Amino acid sequence: MTVAATNQPMAQVGGGFELRHLVFGVLALAFVNGLFLRVSEYVNENGLGEGLLATFNISIVIWVAMWLALDLVRKADFGPTRRLDYVAIGVMLGFIGLPVSALSWVGLTGFSLYFLVTRPGNPSIRATFSVVLALCFSSVWSRLIFRFFMETILRIDTLLVATVTGRPFTGNLINAADGSTTLQVLEACSSFSNMSLAFVGWIVARSYYGARGVVRSIFFVALSCLAVVTVNTVRIGVIALRPDLYDIAHGTIGANIASLIMTAAIATISLKGARR
């Protein structure tokens, strides 16, 4: 008895278990591993209850983006399964298995690019892995960029605050209004650390609503970044003009209020822009 040969790739992994189910599991594991260190450190320092209230000091934009990525991949059409897909999954699992959280995002970058390159023109794949790449940029690549250009970025932040408040400055140091206090703008105070969230927010909204257009994307990302810079500059400016309010403006209350306003601004601008 002979069996006719076929060149058609398998559409399923086997037993009705499709490739999208495997990729869903890989993404879920990568997200958990990528955030595990940050979450565990926050819980150890502040407790589980405060961690839940503060979303573990991770922006709600990031949590929403991860949820959307998993929802999109669950519904994505990967087409016929290829042998190289298994290689990509194996390599990604290797990155997840390494005891360095940041490497999960590095691996996800390559994992996403693989599916974007091997499934060109597939809208469900483009939407899914655009969100994953945005998460990778915010979680690891934007931090590396900041490290390389930290001095320049902090000087720009300081210049903006000094211009708004009219206070003298040198480098990343600002002389406060009381004449005896000097403020130093550090990485955690920089607008740049939150500007990547504007990019993630837009990609999430665009992928969800199917918005297109490069010019449109640039405009609304820039608008969200402007909102983030404005909120951050005002917050530091308040401290520069009223150093006695430092504990409030720079502490948990000020940080939560600023984060809430930034998140609301990013969500409003991105959603309105994507639905236009």
C-alpha atoms as a PDB file:
ATOM      1  CA  MET A   1       0.000   0.000   0.000  1.00  0.00           C
ATOM      2  CA  THR A   2       1.340   3.432  -0.886  1.00  0.00           C
ATOM      3  CA  VAL A   3       0.597   6.765   0.761  1.00  0.00           C
ATOM      4  CA  ALA A   4       0.325   9.887  -1.352  1.00  0.00           C
ATOM      5  CA  ALA A   5       2.919  12.482  -0.447  1.00  0.00           C
ATOM      6  CA  THR A   6       1.856  15.984   0.458  1.00  0.00           C
ATOM      7  CA  ASN A   7       3.758  19.238   0.685  1.00  0.00           C
ATOM      8  CA  GLN A   8       1.096  20.976   2.743  1.00  0.00           C
ATOM      9  CA  PRO A   9       2.277  22.094   6.215  1.00  0.00           C
ATOM     10  CA  MET A  10       0.276  20.974   9.214  1.00  0.00           C
ATOM     11  CA  ALA A  11      -2.307  23.516  10.347  1.00  0.00           C
ATOM     12  CA  GLN A  12      -2.327  22.163  13.878  1.00  0.00           C
ATOM     13  CA  VAL A  13       0.291  20.953  16.314  1.00  0.00           C
ATOM     14  CA  GLY A  14      -1.697  17.833  16.961  1.00  0.00           C
ATOM     15  CA  GLY A  15      -4.845  16.701  18.692  1.00  0.00           C
ATOM     16  CA  GLY A  16      -6.565  19.960  17.836  1.00  0.00           C
ATOM     17  CA  PHE A  17      -3.904  21.901  19.750  1.00  0.00           C
ATOM     18  CA  GLU A  18      -3.069  24.825  17.494  1.00  0.00           C
ATOM     19  CA  LEU A  19       0.086  26.918  17.295  1.00  0.00           C
ATOM     20  CA  ARG A  20      -1.697  29.907  18.803  1.00  0.00           C
ATOM     21  CA  HIS A  21      -2.212  27.913  22.012  1.00  0.00           C
ATOM     22  CA  LEU A  22       1.507  27.242  22.277  1.00  0.00           C
ATOM     23  CA  VAL A  23       2.372  30.883  21.582  1.00  0.00           C
ATOM     24  CA  PHE A  24      -0.215  31.980  24.142  1.00  0.00           C
ATOM     25  CA  GLY A  25       1.518  29.846  26.772  1.00  0.00           C
ATOM     26  CA  VAL A  26       4.955  31.122  25.794  1.00  0.00           C
ATOM     27  CA  LEU A  27       3.844  34.765  26.012  1.00  0.00           C
ATOM     28  CA  ALA A  28       2.173  34.196  29.379  1.00  0.00           C
ATOM     29  CA  LEU A  29       5.327  32.591  30.801  1.00  0.00           C
ATOM     30  CA  ALA A  30       7.518  35.342  29.371  1.00  0.00           C
ATOM     31  CA  PHE A  31       5.331  38.076  30.873  1.00  0.00           C
ATOM     32  CA  VAL A  32       5.405  36.413  34.295  1.00  0.00           C
ATOM     33  CA  ASN A  33       9.168  35.952  34.176  1.00  0.00           C
ATOM     34  CA  GLY A  34       9.736  39.450  32.815  1.00  0.00           C
ATOM     35  CA  LEU A  35       7.893  41.097  35.705  1.00  0.00           C
ATOM     36  CA  PHE A  36       8.627  38.630  38.494  1.00  0.00           C
ATOM     37  CA  LEU A  37      11.664  40.458  39.881  1.00  0.00           C
ATOM     38  CA  ARG A  38       9.959  43.871  39.956  1.00  0.00           C
ATOM     39  CA  VAL A  39       6.811  42.480  41.556  1.00  0.00           C
ATOM     40  CA  SER A  40       8.653  40.402  44.168  1.00  0.00           C
ATOM     41  CA  GLU A  41      10.911  43.316  45.142  1.00  0.00           C
ATOM     42  CA  TYR A  42       7.932  45.632  45.582  1.00  0.00           C
ATOM     43  CA  VAL A  43       6.019  43.081  47.654  1.00  0.00           C
ATOM     44  CA  ASN A  44       9.051  42.432  49.872  1.00  0.00           C
ATOM     45  CA  GLU A  45       9.454  46.156  50.544  1.00  0.00           C
ATOM     46  CA  ASN A  46       5.804  47.221  50.826  1.00  0.00           C
ATOM     47  CA  GLY A  47       3.671  44.117  51.351  1.00  0.00           C
ATOM     48  CA  LEU A  48       1.140  42.366  49.142  1.00  0.00           C
ATOM     49  CA  GLY A  49      -1.779  44.620  50.057  1.00  0.00           C
ATOM     50  CA  GLU A  50      -0.033  47.844  49.091  1.00  0.00           C
ATOM     51  CA  GLY A  51       1.404  46.101  46.067  1.00  0.00           C
ATOM     52  CA  LEU A  52      -2.062  45.252  44.778  1.00  0.00           C
ATOM     53  CA  LEU A  53      -3.287  48.811  45.376  1.00  0.00           C
ATOM     54  CA  ALA A  54      -0.257  50.252  43.580  1.00  0.00           C
ATOM     55  CA  THR A  55      -0.357  47.585  40.827  1.00  0.00           C
ATOM     56  CA  PHE A  56       3.141  46.638  42.032  1.00  0.00           C
ATOM     57  CA  ASN A  57       4.501  49.990  40.837  1.00  0.00           C
ATOM     58  CA  ILE A  58       3.889  48.896  37.248  1.00  0.00           C
ATOM     59  CA  SER A  59       1.723  51.149  35.127  1.00  0.00           C
ATOM     60  CA  ILE A  60      -1.802  49.995  34.378  1.00  0.00           C
ATOM     61  CA  VAL A  61      -0.909  50.678  30.727  1.00  0.00           C
ATOM     62  CA  ILE A  62       1.551  47.762  30.861  1.00  0.00           C
ATOM     63  CA  TRP A  63      -0.987  45.411  32.484  1.00  0.00           C
ATOM     64  CA  VAL A  64      -3.616  46.303  29.873  1.00  0.00           C
ATOM     65  CA  ALA A  65      -1.088  45.808  27.061  1.00  0.00           C
ATOM     66  CA  MET A  66      -0.188  42.323  28.328  1.00  0.00           C
ATOM     67  CA  TRP A  67      -3.850  41.397  28.632  1.00  0.00           C
ATOM     68  CA  LEU A  68      -4.529  42.602  25.090  1.00  0.00           C
ATOM     69  CA  ALA A  69      -1.513  40.748  23.676  1.00  0.00           C
ATOM     70  CA  LEU A  70      -2.733  37.483  25.211  1.00  0.00           C
ATOM     71  CA  ASP A  71      -6.279  38.104  24.015  1.00  0.00           C
ATOM     72  CA  LEU A  72      -5.104  38.873  20.478  1.00  0.00           C
ATOM     73  CA  VAL A  73      -2.801  35.858  20.229  1.00  0.00           C
ATOM     74  CA  ARG A  74      -5.614  33.624  21.456  1.00  0.00           C
ATOM     75  CA  LYS A  75      -7.657  34.674  18.413  1.00  0.00           C
ATOM     76  CA  ALA A  76      -4.802  35.092  15.928  1.00  0.00           C
ATOM     77  CA  ASP A  77      -4.638  33.169  12.658  1.00  0.00           C
ATOM     78  CA  PHE A  78      -1.098  31.802  12.361  1.00  0.00           C
ATOM     79  CA  GLY A  79      -1.870  29.801   9.252  1.00  0.00           C
ATOM     80  CA  PRO A  80      -0.040  26.518   8.619  1.00  0.00           C
ATOM     81  CA  THR A  81       2.488  25.529  11.268  1.00  0.00           C
ATOM     82  CA  ARG A  82       6.123  25.408  10.152  1.00  0.00           C
ATOM     83  CA  ARG A  83       8.985  23.415  11.598  1.00  0.00           C
ATOM     84  CA  LEU A  84      10.896  26.637  12.234  1.00  0.00           C
ATOM     85  CA  ASP A  85       8.029  27.755  14.499  1.00  0.00           C
ATOM     86  CA  TYR A  86       9.007  25.026  16.952  1.00  0.00           C
ATOM     87  CA  VAL A  87      12.610  26.224  16.852  1.00  0.00           C
ATOM     88  CA  ALA A  88      11.485  29.762  17.658  1.00  0.00           C
ATOM     89  CA  ILE A  89       9.370  28.496  20.557  1.00  0.00           C
ATOM     90  CA  GLY A  90      12.259  26.394  21.872  1.00  0.00           C
ATOM     91  CA  VAL A  91      14.662  29.327  21.760  1.00  0.00           C
ATOM     92  CA  MET A  92      12.108  31.546  23.507  1.00  0.00           C
ATOM     93  CA  LEU A  93      11.642  28.978  26.265  1.00  0.00           C
ATOM     94  CA  GLY A  94      15.411  28.996  26.683  1.00  0.00           C
ATOM     95  CA  PHE A  95      15.340  32.761  27.300  1.00  0.00           C
ATOM     96  CA  ILE A  96      12.501  32.325  29.803  1.00  0.00           C
ATOM     97  CA  GLY A  97      14.471  29.639  31.636  1.00  0.00           C
ATOM     98  CA  LEU A  98      17.428  31.949  32.261  1.00  0.00           C
ATOM     99  CA  PRO A  99      17.385  33.556  35.752  1.00  0.00           C
ATOM    100  CA  VAL A 100      17.423  37.119  34.392  1.00  0.00           C
ATOM    101  CA  SER A 101      14.033  38.785  33.986  1.00  0.00           C
ATOM    102  CA  ALA A 102      15.217  41.310  31.393  1.00  0.00           C
ATOM    103  CA  LEU A 103      16.240  38.491  29.043  1.00  0.00           C
ATOM    104  CA  SER A 104      12.579  37.497  28.675  1.00  0.00           C
ATOM    105  CA  TRP A 105      11.947  40.855  26.975  1.00  0.00           C
ATOM    106  CA  VAL A 106      15.052  40.461  24.820  1.00  0.00           C
ATOM    107  CA  GLY A 107      13.859  37.028  23.746  1.00  0.00           C
ATOM    108  CA  LEU A 108      10.330  38.305  23.116  1.00  0.00           C
ATOM    109  CA  THR A 109      11.735  40.955  20.797  1.00  0.00           C
ATOM    110  CA  GLY A 110      13.267  38.323  18.539  1.00  0.00           C
ATOM    111  CA  PHE A 111      10.249  36.034  18.954  1.00  0.00           C
ATOM    112  CA  SER A 112       7.903  38.807  17.795  1.00  0.00           C
ATOM    113  CA  LEU A 113      10.088  39.798  14.861  1.00  0.00           C
ATOM    114  CA  TYR A 114      10.186  36.154  13.751  1.00  0.00           C
ATOM    115  CA  PHE A 115       6.399  35.924  13.426  1.00  0.00           C
ATOM    116  CA  LEU A 116       6.122  39.364  11.835  1.00  0.00           C
ATOM    117  CA  VAL A 117       8.699  38.386   9.202  1.00  0.00           C
ATOM    118  CA  THR A 118       7.317  34.899   8.525  1.00  0.00           C
ATOM    119  CA  ARG A 119       3.662  36.047   8.396  1.00  0.00           C
ATOM    120  CA  PRO A 120       3.834  39.307   6.393  1.00  0.00           C
ATOM    121  CA  GLY A 121       0.520  40.939   5.608  1.00  0.00           C
ATOM    122  CA  ASN A 122      -1.312  39.007   8.326  1.00  0.00           C
ATOM    123  CA  PRO A 123      -3.329  41.636  10.270  1.00  0.00           C
ATOM    124  CA  SER A 124      -3.917  39.488  13.363  1.00  0.00           C
ATOM    125  CA  ILE A 125      -0.198  38.680  13.656  1.00  0.00           C
ATOM    126  CA  ARG A 126       0.732  42.320  13.095  1.00  0.00           C
ATOM    127  CA  ALA A 127      -1.688  43.509  15.782  1.00  0.00           C
ATOM    128  CA  THR A 128      -0.569  40.880  18.307  1.00  0.00           C
ATOM    129  CA  PHE A 129       3.174  41.252  18.005  1.00  0.00           C
ATOM    130  CA  SER A 130       3.107  45.037  17.609  1.00  0.00           C
ATOM    131  CA  VAL A 131       1.744  45.112  21.163  1.00  0.00           C
ATOM    132  CA  VAL A 132       4.401  42.645  22.353  1.00  0.00           C
ATOM    133  CA  LEU A 133       7.181  44.719  20.742  1.00  0.00           C
ATOM    134  CA  ALA A 134       5.807  47.872  22.397  1.00  0.00           C
ATOM    135  CA  LEU A 135       5.977  46.073  25.748  1.00  0.00           C
ATOM    136  CA  CYS A 136       9.561  45.016  25.032  1.00  0.00           C
ATOM    137  CA  PHE A 137      10.527  48.585  24.152  1.00  0.00           C
ATOM    138  CA  SER A 138       9.040  49.955  27.369  1.00  0.00           C
ATOM    139  CA  SER A 139      10.418  47.194  29.592  1.00  0.00           C
ATOM    140  CA  VAL A 140      14.015  46.912  28.393  1.00  0.00           C
ATOM    141  CA  TRP A 141      15.055  48.882  25.295  1.00  0.00           C
ATOM    142  CA  SER A 142      13.890  52.313  26.504  1.00  0.00           C
ATOM    143  CA  ARG A 143      15.858  51.721  29.714  1.00  0.00           C
ATOM    144  CA  LEU A 144      19.005  50.964  27.713  1.00  0.00           C
ATOM    145  CA  ILE A 145      18.492  54.098  25.624  1.00  0.00           C
ATOM    146  CA  PHE A 146      18.130  56.100  28.815  1.00  0.00           C
ATOM    147  CA  ARG A 147      21.409  54.681  30.151  1.00  0.00           C
ATOM    148  CA  PHE A 148      23.268  55.779  27.044  1.00  0.00           C
ATOM    149  CA  PHE A 149      21.808  59.298  26.984  1.00  0.00           C
ATOM    150  CA  MET A 150      21.029  59.750  30.687  1.00  0.00           C
ATOM    151  CA  GLU A 151      23.055  62.927  31.200  1.00  0.00           C
ATOM    152  CA  THR A 152      21.483  64.690  28.232  1.00  0.00           C
ATOM    153  CA  ILE A 153      17.947  63.547  29.073  1.00  0.00           C
ATOM    154  CA  LEU A 154      18.212  64.685  32.698  1.00  0.00           C
ATOM    155  CA  ARG A 155      19.557  68.058  31.597  1.00  0.00           C
ATOM    156  CA  ILE A 156      16.568  68.505  29.290  1.00  0.00           C
ATOM    157  CA  ASP A 157      14.180  67.620  32.131  1.00  0.00           C
ATOM    158  CA  THR A 158      15.962  70.107  34.376  1.00  0.00           C
ATOM    159  CA  LEU A 159      15.885  72.812  31.697  1.00  0.00           C
ATOM    160  CA  LEU A 160      12.126  72.395  31.268  1.00  0.00           C
ATOM    161  CA  VAL A 161      11.477  72.714  35.007  1.00  0.00           C
ATOM    162  CA  ALA A 162      13.822  75.694  35.304  1.00  0.00           C
ATOM    163  CA  THR A 163      12.151  77.428  32.345  1.00  0.00           C
ATOM    164  CA  VAL A 164       8.653  76.965  33.799  1.00  0.00           C
ATOM    165  CA  THR A 165       9.590  78.008  37.333  1.00  0.00           C
ATOM    166  CA  GLY A 166      12.199  80.631  36.494  1.00  0.00           C
ATOM    167  CA  ARG A 167      14.700  79.028  38.872  1.00  0.00           C
ATOM    168  CA  PRO A 168      18.467  78.893  38.129  1.00  0.00           C
ATOM    169  CA  PHE A 169      19.981  75.496  37.365  1.00  0.00           C
ATOM    170  CA  THR A 170      23.247  73.756  36.606  1.00  0.00           C
ATOM    171  CA  GLY A 171      23.282  70.387  34.854  1.00  0.00           C
ATOM    172  CA  ASN A 172      20.534  68.392  36.566  1.00  0.00           C
ATOM    173  CA  LEU A 173      20.516  70.577  39.699  1.00  0.00           C
ATOM    174  CA  ILE A 174      17.883  73.253  40.377  1.00  0.00           C
ATOM    175  CA  ASN A 175      18.048  75.929  43.055  1.00  0.00           C
ATOM    176  CA  ALA A 176      14.726  75.907  44.880  1.00  0.00           C
ATOM    177  CA  ALA A 177      12.784  79.055  45.724  1.00  0.00           C
ATOM    178  CA  ASP A 178      13.686  78.988  49.420  1.00  0.00           C
ATOM    179  CA  GLY A 179      17.287  79.753  48.518  1.00  0.00           C
ATOM    180  CA  SER A 180      18.730  76.936  50.614  1.00  0.00           C
ATOM    181  CA  THR A 181      17.453  73.790  48.883  1.00  0.00           C
ATOM    182  CA  THR A 182      18.958  72.211  45.759  1.00  0.00           C
ATOM    183  CA  LEU A 183      16.934  69.656  43.823  1.00  0.00           C
ATOM    184  CA  GLN A 184      18.610  66.943  41.787  1.00  0.00           C
ATOM    185  CA  VAL A 185      16.650  65.447  38.901  1.00  0.00           C
ATOM    186  CA  LEU A 186      17.385  61.711  38.780  1.00  0.00           C
ATOM    187  CA  GLU A 187      16.262  58.809  36.598  1.00  0.00           C
ATOM    188  CA  ALA A 188      13.067  58.169  38.563  1.00  0.00           C
ATOM    189  CA  CYS A 189      12.108  61.844  38.146  1.00  0.00           C
ATOM    190  CA  SER A 190      12.650  61.923  34.388  1.00  0.00           C
ATOM    191  CA  SER A 191       9.800  62.316  31.927  1.00  0.00           C
ATOM    192  CA  PHE A 192      11.543  59.848  29.606  1.00  0.00           C
ATOM    193  CA  SER A 193      10.826  56.927  31.921  1.00  0.00           C
ATOM    194  CA  ASN A 194       7.096  57.498  31.365  1.00  0.00           C
ATOM    195  CA  MET A 195       7.198  58.573  27.724  1.00  0.00           C
ATOM    196  CA  SER A 196       7.574  54.956  26.624  1.00  0.00           C
ATOM    197  CA  LEU A 197       4.134  54.358  28.150  1.00  0.00           C
ATOM    198  CA  ALA A 198       2.704  56.838  25.652  1.00  0.00           C
ATOM    199  CA  PHE A 199       4.044  54.629  22.868  1.00  0.00           C
ATOM    200  CA  VAL A 200       2.617  51.477  24.468  1.00  0.00           C
ATOM    201  CA  GLY A 201      -0.745  53.179  25.002  1.00  0.00           C
ATOM    202  CA  TRP A 202      -1.022  54.160  21.352  1.00  0.00           C
ATOM    203  CA  ILE A 203      -0.012  50.712  20.055  1.00  0.00           C
ATOM    204  CA  VAL A 204      -2.625  49.126  22.341  1.00  0.00           C
ATOM    205  CA  ALA A 205      -5.372  51.459  21.096  1.00  0.00           C
ATOM    206  CA  ARG A 206      -4.291  51.147  17.454  1.00  0.00           C
ATOM    207  CA  SER A 207      -4.165  47.358  17.598  1.00  0.00           C
ATOM    208  CA  TYR A 208      -7.536  47.145  19.327  1.00  0.00           C
ATOM    209  CA  TYR A 209      -9.340  49.472  16.916  1.00  0.00           C
ATOM    210  CA  GLY A 210      -7.300  48.693  13.806  1.00  0.00           C
ATOM    211  CA  ALA A 211      -6.197  52.294  13.250  1.00  0.00           C
ATOM    212  CA  ARG A 212      -3.666  52.859  10.452  1.00  0.00           C
ATOM    213  CA  GLY A 213      -1.410  55.648   9.230  1.00  0.00           C
ATOM    214  CA  VAL A 214       2.177  56.604  10.121  1.00  0.00           C
ATOM    215  CA  VAL A 215       1.481  60.338  10.388  1.00  0.00           C
ATOM    216  CA  ARG A 216      -1.513  59.670  12.584  1.00  0.00           C
ATOM    217  CA  SER A 217       0.561  57.443  14.879  1.00  0.00           C
ATOM    218  CA  ILE A 218       3.365  59.986  15.180  1.00  0.00           C
ATOM    219  CA  PHE A 219       0.904  62.773  15.979  1.00  0.00           C
ATOM    220  CA  PHE A 220      -0.936  60.986  18.777  1.00  0.00           C
ATOM    221  CA  VAL A 221       2.206  59.468  20.310  1.00  0.00           C
ATOM    222  CA  ALA A 222       3.759  62.939  20.340  1.00  0.00           C
ATOM    223  CA  LEU A 223       0.602  64.366  21.917  1.00  0.00           C
ATOM    224  CA  SER A 224       0.675  61.719  24.661  1.00  0.00           C
ATOM    225  CA  CYS A 225       4.384  62.369  25.257  1.00  0.00           C
ATOM    226  CA  LEU A 226       3.656  66.082  25.587  1.00  0.00           C
ATOM    227  CA  ALA A 227       1.020  65.319  28.215  1.00  0.00           C
ATOM    228  CA  VAL A 228       3.479  63.131  30.144  1.00  0.00           C
ATOM    229  CA  VAL A 229       6.205  65.788  30.037  1.00  0.00           C
ATOM    230  CA  THR A 230       3.753  68.476  31.154  1.00  0.00           C
ATOM    231  CA  VAL A 231       2.561  66.499  34.182  1.00  0.00           C
ATOM    232  CA  ASN A 232       6.102  65.562  35.199  1.00  0.00           C
ATOM    233  CA  THR A 233       7.410  69.107  34.753  1.00  0.00           C
ATOM    234  CA  VAL A 234       4.584  70.577  36.826  1.00  0.00           C
ATOM    235  CA  ARG A 235       5.186  68.054  39.602  1.00  0.00           C
ATOM    236  CA  ILE A 236       8.900  68.833  39.881  1.00  0.00           C
ATOM    237  CA  GLY A 237       8.160  72.538  39.419  1.00  0.00           C
ATOM    238  CA  VAL A 238       5.889  72.483  42.468  1.00  0.00           C
ATOM    239  CA  ILE A 239       8.762  71.101  44.526  1.00  0.00           C
ATOM    240  CA  ALA A 240      11.165  73.721  43.155  1.00  0.00           C
ATOM    241  CA  LEU A 241       8.795  76.553  44.106  1.00  0.00           C
ATOM    242  CA  ARG A 242       7.603  74.999  47.365  1.00  0.00           C
ATOM    243  CA  PRO A 243      10.305  72.753  48.855  1.00  0.00           C
ATOM    244  CA  ASP A 244       8.146  72.391  51.970  1.00  0.00           C
ATOM    245  CA  LEU A 245       5.761  70.281  49.867  1.00  0.00           C
ATOM    246  CA  TYR A 246       8.508  67.828  48.908  1.00  0.00           C
ATOM    247  CA  ASP A 247       7.195  64.935  51.004  1.00  0.00           C
ATOM    248  CA  ILE A 248       3.733  65.280  49.481  1.00  0.00           C
ATOM    249  CA  ALA A 249       4.662  65.981  45.847  1.00  0.00           C
ATOM    250  CA  HIS A 250       7.565  63.542  45.707  1.00  0.00           C
ATOM    251  CA  GLY A 251       6.129  60.912  48.028  1.00  0.00           C
ATOM    252  CA  THR A 252       3.478  58.258  47.530  1.00  0.00           C
ATOM    253  CA  ILE A 253       0.613  60.745  47.272  1.00  0.00           C
ATOM    254  CA  GLY A 254       2.278  62.892  44.631  1.00  0.00           C
ATOM    255  CA  ALA A 255       3.551  59.887  42.697  1.00  0.00           C
ATOM    256  CA  ASN A 256       0.120  58.234  42.632  1.00  0.00           C
ATOM    257  CA  ILE A 257      -1.646  61.434  41.555  1.00  0.00           C
ATOM    258  CA  ALA A 258       0.909  62.089  38.802  1.00  0.00           C
ATOM    259  CA  SER A 259       0.692  58.466  37.629  1.00  0.00           C
ATOM    260  CA  LEU A 260      -3.101  58.614  37.553  1.00  0.00           C
ATOM    261  CA  ILE A 261      -3.144  61.842  35.543  1.00  0.00           C
ATOM    262  CA  MET A 262      -0.533  60.515  33.095  1.00  0.00           C
ATOM    263  CA  THR A 263      -2.396  57.243  32.622  1.00  0.00           C
ATOM    264  CA  ALA A 264      -5.698  59.047  32.087  1.00  0.00           C
ATOM    265  CA  ALA A 265      -4.092  61.418  29.570  1.00  0.00           C
ATOM    266  CA  ILE A 266      -2.420  58.594  27.633  1.00  0.00           C
ATOM    267  CA  ALA A 267      -5.615  56.533  27.575  1.00  0.00           C
ATOM    268  CA  THR A 268      -7.826  59.466  26.524  1.00  0.00           C
ATOM    269  CA  ILE A 269      -5.513  60.665  23.748  1.00  0.00           C
ATOM    270  CA  SER A 270      -4.792  57.158  22.420  1.00  0.00           C
ATOM    271  CA  LEU A 271      -8.403  55.959  22.452  1.00  0.00           C
ATOM    272  CA  LYS A 272      -9.759  59.114  20.842  1.00  0.00           C
ATOM    273  CA  GLY A 273      -7.003  59.076  18.242  1.00  0.00           C
ATOM    274  CA  ALA A 274      -7.494  55.409  17.359  1.00  0.00           C
ATOM    275  CA  ARG A 275     -11.282  55.714  17.073  1.00  0.00           C
ATOM    276  CA  ARG A 276     -11.255  58.808  14.821  1.00  0.00           C
END
